[in-house]
Amino acid sequence: DKINRFAERNRHQLFVEPEGWNTIEIYVNGFSSSL
């Protein structure tokens, strides 16, 4: 939706967020997708 609505922007910010103290799992905030 972001790249469709804001086609003039050549990049979008993503936050790489750890899911906890003792896990390797990462949440990619800003890359929500149904593709």
PDB file of all heavy atoms in Angstrom:
ATOM      1  N   ASP A   1       0.833  -1.196   0.000  1.00  0.00           N
ATOM      2  CA  ASP A   1       0.000   0.000   0.000  1.00  0.00           C
ATOM      3  C   ASP A   1       0.873   1.254   0.000  1.00  0.00           C
ATOM      4  O   ASP A   1       0.592   2.236  -0.695  1.00  0.00           O
ATOM      5  CB  ASP A   1      -0.907  -0.025   1.237  1.00  0.00           C
ATOM      6  CG  ASP A   1      -2.079   0.943   1.111  1.00  0.00           C
ATOM      7  OD1 ASP A   1      -2.383   1.356  -0.020  1.00  0.00           O
ATOM      8  OD2 ASP A   1      -2.670   1.291   2.140  1.00  0.00           O
ATOM      9  N   LYS A   2       1.979   1.224   0.778  1.00  0.00           N
ATOM     10  CA  LYS A   2       2.878   2.381   0.844  1.00  0.00           C
ATOM     11  C   LYS A   2       3.517   2.680  -0.509  1.00  0.00           C
ATOM     12  O   LYS A   2       3.571   3.838  -0.933  1.00  0.00           O
ATOM     13  CB  LYS A   2       3.956   2.139   1.907  1.00  0.00           C
ATOM     14  CG  LYS A   2       3.483   2.403   3.324  1.00  0.00           C
ATOM     15  CD  LYS A   2       4.623   2.432   4.320  1.00  0.00           C
ATOM     16  CE  LYS A   2       4.967   1.070   4.824  1.00  0.00           C
ATOM     17  NZ  LYS A   2       5.850   1.108   6.017  1.00  0.00           N
ATOM     18  N   ILE A   3       4.022   1.647  -1.179  1.00  0.00           N
ATOM     19  CA  ILE A   3       4.702   1.933  -2.454  1.00  0.00           C
ATOM     20  C   ILE A   3       3.706   2.278  -3.551  1.00  0.00           C
ATOM     21  O   ILE A   3       4.067   2.904  -4.553  1.00  0.00           O
ATOM     22  CB  ILE A   3       5.635   0.774  -2.892  1.00  0.00           C
ATOM     23  CG1 ILE A   3       4.842  -0.500  -3.188  1.00  0.00           C
ATOM     24  CG2 ILE A   3       6.692   0.503  -1.834  1.00  0.00           C
ATOM     25  CD1 ILE A   3       5.710  -1.611  -3.775  1.00  0.00           C
ATOM     26  N   ASN A   4       2.445   1.913  -3.362  1.00  0.00           N
ATOM     27  CA  ASN A   4       1.416   2.277  -4.329  1.00  0.00           C
ATOM     28  C   ASN A   4       0.932   3.706  -4.088  1.00  0.00           C
ATOM     29  O   ASN A   4       0.829   4.506  -5.024  1.00  0.00           O
ATOM     30  CB  ASN A   4       0.243   1.294  -4.230  1.00  0.00           C
ATOM     31  CG  ASN A   4      -0.833   1.555  -5.266  1.00  0.00           C
ATOM     32  OD1 ASN A   4      -0.561   1.589  -6.463  1.00  0.00           O
ATOM     33  ND2 ASN A   4      -2.061   1.744  -4.817  1.00  0.00           N
ATOM     34  N   ARG A   5       0.675   4.057  -2.807  1.00  0.00           N
ATOM     35  CA  ARG A   5       0.153   5.391  -2.467  1.00  0.00           C
ATOM     36  C   ARG A   5       1.223   6.469  -2.529  1.00  0.00           C
ATOM     37  O   ARG A   5       0.939   7.629  -2.805  1.00  0.00           O
ATOM     38  CB  ARG A   5      -0.471   5.351  -1.069  1.00  0.00           C
ATOM     39  CG  ARG A   5      -1.840   4.704  -1.025  1.00  0.00           C
ATOM     40  CD  ARG A   5      -2.270   4.382   0.404  1.00  0.00           C
ATOM     41  NE  ARG A   5      -2.166   5.531   1.298  1.00  0.00           N
ATOM     42  CZ  ARG A   5      -2.285   5.448   2.630  1.00  0.00           C
ATOM     43  NH1 ARG A   5      -2.482   4.264   3.190  1.00  0.00           N
ATOM     44  NH2 ARG A   5      -2.198   6.517   3.380  1.00  0.00           N
ATOM     45  N   PHE A   6       2.452   6.088  -2.216  1.00  0.00           N
ATOM     46  CA  PHE A   6       3.546   7.068  -2.176  1.00  0.00           C
ATOM     47  C   PHE A   6       4.607   6.687  -3.212  1.00  0.00           C
ATOM     48  O   PHE A   6       5.773   6.470  -2.886  1.00  0.00           O
ATOM     49  CB  PHE A   6       4.157   7.130  -0.773  1.00  0.00           C
ATOM     50  CG  PHE A   6       3.131   7.332   0.317  1.00  0.00           C
ATOM     51  CD1 PHE A   6       2.803   6.301   1.180  1.00  0.00           C
ATOM     52  CD2 PHE A   6       2.483   8.551   0.458  1.00  0.00           C
ATOM     53  CE1 PHE A   6       1.853   6.478   2.174  1.00  0.00           C
ATOM     54  CE2 PHE A   6       1.529   8.740   1.454  1.00  0.00           C
ATOM     55  CZ  PHE A   6       1.212   7.708   2.315  1.00  0.00           C
ATOM     56  N   ALA A   7       4.153   6.605  -4.463  1.00  0.00           N
ATOM     57  CA  ALA A   7       5.023   6.133  -5.535  1.00  0.00           C
ATOM     58  C   ALA A   7       6.232   7.035  -5.747  1.00  0.00           C
ATOM     59  O   ALA A   7       7.259   6.605  -6.283  1.00  0.00           O
ATOM     60  CB  ALA A   7       4.217   6.020  -6.831  1.00  0.00           C
ATOM     61  N   GLU A   8       6.142   8.289  -5.301  1.00  0.00           N
ATOM     62  CA  GLU A   8       7.248   9.233  -5.511  1.00  0.00           C
ATOM     63  C   GLU A   8       8.424   8.952  -4.567  1.00  0.00           C
ATOM     64  O   GLU A   8       9.533   9.435  -4.794  1.00  0.00           O
ATOM     65  CB  GLU A   8       6.755  10.671  -5.319  1.00  0.00           C
ATOM     66  CG  GLU A   8       6.467  11.090  -3.878  1.00  0.00           C
ATOM     67  CD  GLU A   8       5.138  10.586  -3.317  1.00  0.00           C
ATOM     68  OE1 GLU A   8       4.407   9.881  -4.061  1.00  0.00           O
ATOM     69  OE2 GLU A   8       4.828  10.896  -2.148  1.00  0.00           O
ATOM     70  N   ARG A   9       8.194   8.166  -3.514  1.00  0.00           N
ATOM     71  CA  ARG A   9       9.272   7.880  -2.557  1.00  0.00           C
ATOM     72  C   ARG A   9      10.091   6.674  -3.018  1.00  0.00           C
ATOM     73  O   ARG A   9       9.530   5.640  -3.385  1.00  0.00           O
ATOM     74  CB  ARG A   9       8.693   7.597  -1.170  1.00  0.00           C
ATOM     75  CG  ARG A   9       7.960   8.794  -0.578  1.00  0.00           C
ATOM     76  CD  ARG A   9       7.591   8.530   0.862  1.00  0.00           C
ATOM     77  NE  ARG A   9       6.757   9.610   1.402  1.00  0.00           N
ATOM     78  CZ  ARG A   9       6.240   9.613   2.620  1.00  0.00           C
ATOM     79  NH1 ARG A   9       6.474   8.594   3.434  1.00  0.00           N
ATOM     80  NH2 ARG A   9       5.513  10.620   3.032  1.00  0.00           N
ATOM     81  N   ASN A  10      11.407   6.840  -2.964  1.00  0.00           N
ATOM     82  CA  ASN A  10      12.255   5.735  -3.422  1.00  0.00           C
ATOM     83  C   ASN A  10      12.718   4.816  -2.299  1.00  0.00           C
ATOM     84  O   ASN A  10      13.437   3.857  -2.532  1.00  0.00           O
ATOM     85  CB  ASN A  10      13.482   6.256  -4.193  1.00  0.00           C
ATOM     86  CG  ASN A  10      14.303   7.224  -3.352  1.00  0.00           C
ATOM     87  OD1 ASN A  10      14.180   7.267  -2.133  1.00  0.00           O
ATOM     88  ND2 ASN A  10      15.144   8.009  -4.018  1.00  0.00           N
ATOM     89  N   ARG A  11      12.291   5.111  -1.060  1.00  0.00           N
ATOM     90  CA  ARG A  11      12.593   4.204   0.036  1.00  0.00           C
ATOM     91  C   ARG A  11      11.628   4.419   1.197  1.00  0.00           C
ATOM     92  O   ARG A  11      11.022   5.489   1.323  1.00  0.00           O
ATOM     93  CB  ARG A  11      14.036   4.381   0.523  1.00  0.00           C
ATOM     94  CG  ARG A  11      14.314   5.681   1.251  1.00  0.00           C
ATOM     95  CD  ARG A  11      15.740   5.674   1.804  1.00  0.00           C
ATOM     96  NE  ARG A  11      15.958   6.775   2.740  1.00  0.00           N
ATOM     97  CZ  ARG A  11      17.038   6.906   3.508  1.00  0.00           C
ATOM     98  NH1 ARG A  11      18.019   6.001   3.419  1.00  0.00           N
ATOM     99  NH2 ARG A  11      17.170   7.914   4.343  1.00  0.00           N
ATOM    100  N   HIS A  12      11.471   3.407   2.017  1.00  0.00           N
ATOM    101  CA  HIS A  12      10.636   3.483   3.209  1.00  0.00           C
ATOM    102  C   HIS A  12      11.411   2.899   4.388  1.00  0.00           C
ATOM    103  O   HIS A  12      12.152   1.915   4.250  1.00  0.00           O
ATOM    104  CB  HIS A  12       9.328   2.712   3.018  1.00  0.00           C
ATOM    105  CG  HIS A  12       8.394   3.353   2.035  1.00  0.00           C
ATOM    106  ND1 HIS A  12       7.618   4.448   2.335  1.00  0.00           N
ATOM    107  CD2 HIS A  12       8.131   3.052   0.737  1.00  0.00           C
ATOM    108  CE1 HIS A  12       6.909   4.801   1.280  1.00  0.00           C
ATOM    109  NE2 HIS A  12       7.206   3.969   0.286  1.00  0.00           N
ATOM    110  N   GLN A  13      11.217   3.501   5.544  1.00  0.00           N
ATOM    111  CA  GLN A  13      11.954   3.105   6.752  1.00  0.00           C
ATOM    112  C   GLN A  13      11.391   1.812   7.331  1.00  0.00           C
ATOM    113  O   GLN A  13      10.179   1.605   7.374  1.00  0.00           O
ATOM    114  CB  GLN A  13      11.823   4.233   7.776  1.00  0.00           C
ATOM    115  CG  GLN A  13      12.754   4.147   8.957  1.00  0.00           C
ATOM    116  CD  GLN A  13      12.623   5.379   9.846  1.00  0.00           C
ATOM    117  OE1 GLN A  13      11.538   5.729  10.300  1.00  0.00           O
ATOM    118  NE2 GLN A  13      13.730   6.056  10.083  1.00  0.00           N
ATOM    119  N   LEU A  14      12.284   0.945   7.768  1.00  0.00           N
ATOM    120  CA  LEU A  14      11.904  -0.291   8.443  1.00  0.00           C
ATOM    121  C   LEU A  14      12.587  -0.359   9.806  1.00  0.00           C
ATOM    122  O   LEU A  14      13.772  -0.043   9.923  1.00  0.00           O
ATOM    123  CB  LEU A  14      12.318  -1.516   7.614  1.00  0.00           C
ATOM    124  CG  LEU A  14      11.775  -1.624   6.186  1.00  0.00           C
ATOM    125  CD1 LEU A  14      12.372  -2.838   5.498  1.00  0.00           C
ATOM    126  CD2 LEU A  14      10.249  -1.701   6.183  1.00  0.00           C
ATOM    127  N   PHE A  15      11.842  -0.773  10.827  1.00  0.00           N
ATOM    128  CA  PHE A  15      12.410  -0.954  12.167  1.00  0.00           C
ATOM    129  C   PHE A  15      12.600  -2.446  12.418  1.00  0.00           C
ATOM    130  O   PHE A  15      11.642  -3.222  12.299  1.00  0.00           O
ATOM    131  CB  PHE A  15      11.480  -0.353  13.223  1.00  0.00           C
ATOM    132  CG  PHE A  15      11.381   1.141  13.151  1.00  0.00           C
ATOM    133  CD1 PHE A  15      10.414   1.755  12.362  1.00  0.00           C
ATOM    134  CD2 PHE A  15      12.260   1.953  13.861  1.00  0.00           C
ATOM    135  CE1 PHE A  15      10.311   3.132  12.282  1.00  0.00           C
ATOM    136  CE2 PHE A  15      12.171   3.339  13.781  1.00  0.00           C
ATOM    137  CZ  PHE A  15      11.203   3.926  12.999  1.00  0.00           C
ATOM    138  N   VAL A  16      13.806  -2.810  12.746  1.00  0.00           N
ATOM    139  CA  VAL A  16      14.147  -4.212  12.997  1.00  0.00           C
ATOM    140  C   VAL A  16      14.116  -4.414  14.504  1.00  0.00           C
ATOM    141  O   VAL A  16      15.009  -3.963  15.227  1.00  0.00           O
ATOM    142  CB  VAL A  16      15.534  -4.537  12.406  1.00  0.00           C
ATOM    143  CG1 VAL A  16      15.892  -5.991  12.623  1.00  0.00           C
ATOM    144  CG2 VAL A  16      15.559  -4.192  10.909  1.00  0.00           C
ATOM    145  N   GLU A  17      13.061  -5.086  14.989  1.00  0.00           N
ATOM    146  CA  GLU A  17      12.786  -5.136  16.420  1.00  0.00           C
ATOM    147  C   GLU A  17      12.951  -6.546  16.987  1.00  0.00           C
ATOM    148  O   GLU A  17      12.289  -7.484  16.515  1.00  0.00           O
ATOM    149  CB  GLU A  17      11.350  -4.651  16.693  1.00  0.00           C
ATOM    150  CG  GLU A  17      11.094  -3.240  16.191  1.00  0.00           C
ATOM    151  CD  GLU A  17       9.657  -2.768  16.442  1.00  0.00           C
ATOM    152  OE1 GLU A  17       8.813  -3.603  16.838  1.00  0.00           O
ATOM    153  OE2 GLU A  17       9.395  -1.578  16.222  1.00  0.00           O
ATOM    154  N   PRO A  18      13.795  -6.721  18.006  1.00  0.00           N
ATOM    155  CA  PRO A  18      13.921  -8.035  18.648  1.00  0.00           C
ATOM    156  C   PRO A  18      12.652  -8.395  19.411  1.00  0.00           C
ATOM    157  O   PRO A  18      11.991  -7.528  19.976  1.00  0.00           O
ATOM    158  CB  PRO A  18      15.110  -7.858  19.599  1.00  0.00           C
ATOM    159  CG  PRO A  18      15.180  -6.382  19.859  1.00  0.00           C
ATOM    160  CD  PRO A  18      14.672  -5.712  18.613  1.00  0.00           C
ATOM    161  N   GLU A  19      12.322  -9.688  19.419  1.00  0.00           N
ATOM    162  CA  GLU A  19      11.091 -10.152  20.067  1.00  0.00           C
ATOM    163  C   GLU A  19      11.294 -10.524  21.534  1.00  0.00           C
ATOM    164  O   GLU A  19      10.337 -10.941  22.201  1.00  0.00           O
ATOM    165  CB  GLU A  19      10.525 -11.357  19.305  1.00  0.00           C
ATOM    166  CG  GLU A  19      10.140 -11.041  17.877  1.00  0.00           C
ATOM    167  CD  GLU A  19       8.647 -11.132  17.653  1.00  0.00           C
ATOM    168  OE1 GLU A  19       7.941 -11.672  18.496  1.00  0.00           O
ATOM    169  OE2 GLU A  19       8.180 -10.645  16.605  1.00  0.00           O
ATOM    170  N   GLY A  20      12.523 -10.419  22.037  1.00  0.00           N
ATOM    171  CA  GLY A  20      12.731 -10.748  23.446  1.00  0.00           C
ATOM    172  C   GLY A  20      14.199 -10.856  23.807  1.00  0.00           C
ATOM    173  O   GLY A  20      15.092 -10.668  22.973  1.00  0.00           O
ATOM    174  N   TRP A  21      14.435 -11.167  25.096  1.00  0.00           N
ATOM    175  CA  TRP A  21      15.806 -11.305  25.592  1.00  0.00           C
ATOM    176  C   TRP A  21      16.498 -12.543  25.023  1.00  0.00           C
ATOM    177  O   TRP A  21      17.662 -12.503  24.656  1.00  0.00           O
ATOM    178  CB  TRP A  21      15.809 -11.429  27.124  1.00  0.00           C
ATOM    179  CG  TRP A  21      15.423 -10.210  27.888  1.00  0.00           C
ATOM    180  CD1 TRP A  21      14.310 -10.042  28.660  1.00  0.00           C
ATOM    181  CD2 TRP A  21      16.154  -8.984  27.985  1.00  0.00           C
ATOM    182  NE1 TRP A  21      14.295  -8.790  29.220  1.00  0.00           N
ATOM    183  CE2 TRP A  21      15.422  -8.120  28.830  1.00  0.00           C
ATOM    184  CE3 TRP A  21      17.361  -8.530  27.432  1.00  0.00           C
ATOM    185  CZ2 TRP A  21      15.860  -6.831  29.145  1.00  0.00           C
ATOM    186  CZ3 TRP A  21      17.798  -7.253  27.753  1.00  0.00           C
ATOM    187  CH2 TRP A  21      17.051  -6.418  28.590  1.00  0.00           C
ATOM    188  N   ASN A  22      15.763 -13.647  24.981  1.00  0.00           N
ATOM    189  CA  ASN A  22      16.395 -14.941  24.706  1.00  0.00           C
ATOM    190  C   ASN A  22      15.840 -15.607  23.467  1.00  0.00           C
ATOM    191  O   ASN A  22      15.634 -16.824  23.435  1.00  0.00           O
ATOM    192  CB  ASN A  22      16.207 -15.869  25.923  1.00  0.00           C
ATOM    193  CG  ASN A  22      16.779 -15.263  27.188  1.00  0.00           C
ATOM    194  OD1 ASN A  22      17.936 -14.853  27.218  1.00  0.00           O
ATOM    195  ND2 ASN A  22      15.969 -15.201  28.242  1.00  0.00           N
ATOM    196  N   THR A  23      15.558 -14.812  22.451  1.00  0.00           N
ATOM    197  CA  THR A  23      15.060 -15.375  21.204  1.00  0.00           C
ATOM    198  C   THR A  23      15.773 -14.715  20.032  1.00  0.00           C
ATOM    199  O   THR A  23      16.209 -13.563  20.129  1.00  0.00           O
ATOM    200  CB  THR A  23      13.528 -15.193  21.068  1.00  0.00           C
ATOM    201  OG1 THR A  23      13.087 -15.742  19.822  1.00  0.00           O
ATOM    202  CG2 THR A  23      13.143 -13.719  21.101  1.00  0.00           C
ATOM    203  N   ILE A  24      15.875 -15.465  18.944  1.00  0.00           N
ATOM    204  CA  ILE A  24      16.492 -14.927  17.726  1.00  0.00           C
ATOM    205  C   ILE A  24      15.431 -14.333  16.799  1.00  0.00           C
ATOM    206  O   ILE A  24      15.757 -13.793  15.743  1.00  0.00           O
ATOM    207  CB  ILE A  24      17.281 -16.024  16.981  1.00  0.00           C
ATOM    208  CG1 ILE A  24      16.357 -17.205  16.650  1.00  0.00           C
ATOM    209  CG2 ILE A  24      18.482 -16.473  17.809  1.00  0.00           C
ATOM    210  CD1 ILE A  24      16.967 -18.250  15.750  1.00  0.00           C
ATOM    211  N   GLU A  25      14.154 -14.426  17.194  1.00  0.00           N
ATOM    212  CA  GLU A  25      13.066 -13.971  16.327  1.00  0.00           C
ATOM    213  C   GLU A  25      13.034 -12.448  16.249  1.00  0.00           C
ATOM    214  O   GLU A  25      13.183 -11.756  17.251  1.00  0.00           O
ATOM    215  CB  GLU A  25      11.725 -14.502  16.844  1.00  0.00           C
ATOM    216  CG  GLU A  25      10.576 -14.276  15.868  1.00  0.00           C
ATOM    217  CD  GLU A  25       9.308 -14.994  16.293  1.00  0.00           C
ATOM    218  OE1 GLU A  25       9.315 -15.710  17.317  1.00  0.00           O
ATOM    219  OE2 GLU A  25       8.290 -14.843  15.596  1.00  0.00           O
ATOM    220  N   ILE A  26      12.839 -11.949  15.045  1.00  0.00           N
ATOM    221  CA  ILE A  26      12.834 -10.508  14.761  1.00  0.00           C
ATOM    222  C   ILE A  26      11.524 -10.118  14.088  1.00  0.00           C
ATOM    223  O   ILE A  26      11.016 -10.823  13.207  1.00  0.00           O
ATOM    224  CB  ILE A  26      14.021 -10.123  13.847  1.00  0.00           C
ATOM    225  CG1 ILE A  26      15.359 -10.399  14.543  1.00  0.00           C
ATOM    226  CG2 ILE A  26      13.930  -8.661  13.414  1.00  0.00           C
ATOM    227  CD1 ILE A  26      15.656  -9.520  15.741  1.00  0.00           C
ATOM    228  N   TYR A  27      11.006  -8.951  14.476  1.00  0.00           N
ATOM    229  CA  TYR A  27       9.789  -8.381  13.903  1.00  0.00           C
ATOM    230  C   TYR A  27      10.198  -7.237  12.972  1.00  0.00           C
ATOM    231  O   TYR A  27      10.914  -6.322  13.393  1.00  0.00           O
ATOM    232  CB  TYR A  27       8.917  -7.855  15.043  1.00  0.00           C
ATOM    233  CG  TYR A  27       7.618  -7.203  14.632  1.00  0.00           C
ATOM    234  CD1 TYR A  27       6.458  -7.949  14.512  1.00  0.00           C
ATOM    235  CD2 TYR A  27       7.548  -5.833  14.395  1.00  0.00           C
ATOM    236  CE1 TYR A  27       5.262  -7.352  14.168  1.00  0.00           C
ATOM    237  CE2 TYR A  27       6.357  -5.226  14.044  1.00  0.00           C
ATOM    238  CZ  TYR A  27       5.214  -5.997  13.934  1.00  0.00           C
ATOM    239  OH  TYR A  27       4.030  -5.412  13.582  1.00  0.00           O
ATOM    240  N   VAL A  28       9.763  -7.288  11.718  1.00  0.00           N
ATOM    241  CA  VAL A  28      10.164  -6.275  10.733  1.00  0.00           C
ATOM    242  C   VAL A  28       9.060  -5.213  10.648  1.00  0.00           C
ATOM    243  O   VAL A  28       8.174  -5.273   9.796  1.00  0.00           O
ATOM    244  CB  VAL A  28      10.420  -6.905   9.348  1.00  0.00           C
ATOM    245  CG1 VAL A  28      11.092  -5.881   8.426  1.00  0.00           C
ATOM    246  CG2 VAL A  28      11.281  -8.148   9.466  1.00  0.00           C
ATOM    247  N   ASN A  29       9.134  -4.239  11.528  1.00  0.00           N
ATOM    248  CA  ASN A  29       8.112  -3.205  11.623  1.00  0.00           C
ATOM    249  C   ASN A  29       8.183  -2.289  10.397  1.00  0.00           C
ATOM    250  O   ASN A  29       9.219  -1.706  10.111  1.00  0.00           O
ATOM    251  CB  ASN A  29       8.333  -2.393  12.902  1.00  0.00           C
ATOM    252  CG  ASN A  29       7.123  -1.570  13.282  1.00  0.00           C
ATOM    253  OD1 ASN A  29       6.260  -1.289  12.461  1.00  0.00           O
ATOM    254  ND2 ASN A  29       7.057  -1.175  14.540  1.00  0.00           N
ATOM    255  N   GLY A  30       7.057  -2.170   9.680  1.00  0.00           N
ATOM    256  CA  GLY A  30       7.016  -1.347   8.471  1.00  0.00           C
ATOM    257  C   GLY A  30       6.911  -2.169   7.215  1.00  0.00           C
ATOM    258  O   GLY A  30       6.777  -1.633   6.109  1.00  0.00           O
ATOM    259  N   PHE A  31       6.966  -3.526   7.364  1.00  0.00           N
ATOM    260  CA  PHE A  31       6.919  -4.399   6.194  1.00  0.00           C
ATOM    261  C   PHE A  31       5.700  -5.316   6.265  1.00  0.00           C
ATOM    262  O   PHE A  31       5.712  -6.451   5.823  1.00  0.00           O
ATOM    263  CB  PHE A  31       8.203  -5.233   6.101  1.00  0.00           C
ATOM    264  CG  PHE A  31       8.520  -5.734   4.710  1.00  0.00           C
ATOM    265  CD1 PHE A  31       9.223  -4.948   3.818  1.00  0.00           C
ATOM    266  CD2 PHE A  31       8.114  -6.995   4.297  1.00  0.00           C
ATOM    267  CE1 PHE A  31       9.520  -5.413   2.540  1.00  0.00           C
ATOM    268  CE2 PHE A  31       8.400  -7.464   3.017  1.00  0.00           C
ATOM    269  CZ  PHE A  31       9.108  -6.671   2.138  1.00  0.00           C
ATOM    270  N   SER A  32       4.613  -4.808   6.831  1.00  0.00           N
ATOM    271  CA  SER A  32       3.365  -5.560   6.849  1.00  0.00           C
ATOM    272  C   SER A  32       2.949  -5.862   5.403  1.00  0.00           C
ATOM    273  O   SER A  32       3.020  -4.986   4.543  1.00  0.00           O
ATOM    274  CB  SER A  32       2.287  -4.739   7.545  1.00  0.00           C
ATOM    275  OG  SER A  32       1.040  -5.375   7.486  1.00  0.00           O
ATOM    276  N   SER A  33       2.516  -7.094   5.147  1.00  0.00           N
ATOM    277  CA  SER A  33       2.237  -7.454   3.756  1.00  0.00           C
ATOM    278  C   SER A  33       1.279  -8.634   3.659  1.00  0.00           C
ATOM    279  O   SER A  33       1.257  -9.509   4.530  1.00  0.00           O
ATOM    280  CB  SER A  33       3.544  -7.818   3.040  1.00  0.00           C
ATOM    281  OG  SER A  33       3.293  -8.175   1.697  1.00  0.00           O
ATOM    282  N   SER A  34       0.491  -8.635   2.570  1.00  0.00           N
ATOM    283  CA  SER A  34      -0.345  -9.791   2.243  1.00  0.00           C
ATOM    284  C   SER A  34       0.057 -10.369   0.884  1.00  0.00           C
ATOM    285  O   SER A  34      -0.669 -11.166   0.307  1.00  0.00           O
ATOM    286  CB  SER A  34      -1.821  -9.389   2.228  1.00  0.00           C
ATOM    287  OG  SER A  34      -2.047  -8.389   1.241  1.00  0.00           O
ATOM    288  N   LEU A  35       1.217  -9.945   0.378  1.00  0.00           N
ATOM    289  CA  LEU A  35       1.699 -10.454  -0.912  1.00  0.00           C
ATOM    290  C   LEU A  35       2.088 -11.925  -0.789  1.00  0.00           C
ATOM    291  O   LEU A  35       2.327 -12.424   0.319  1.00  0.00           O
ATOM    292  CB  LEU A  35       2.907  -9.638  -1.366  1.00  0.00           C
ATOM    293  CG  LEU A  35       2.607  -8.232  -1.891  1.00  0.00           C
ATOM    294  CD1 LEU A  35       3.871  -7.395  -1.954  1.00  0.00           C
ATOM    295  CD2 LEU A  35       1.934  -8.301  -3.265  1.00  0.00           C
TER     296      LEU A  35
END
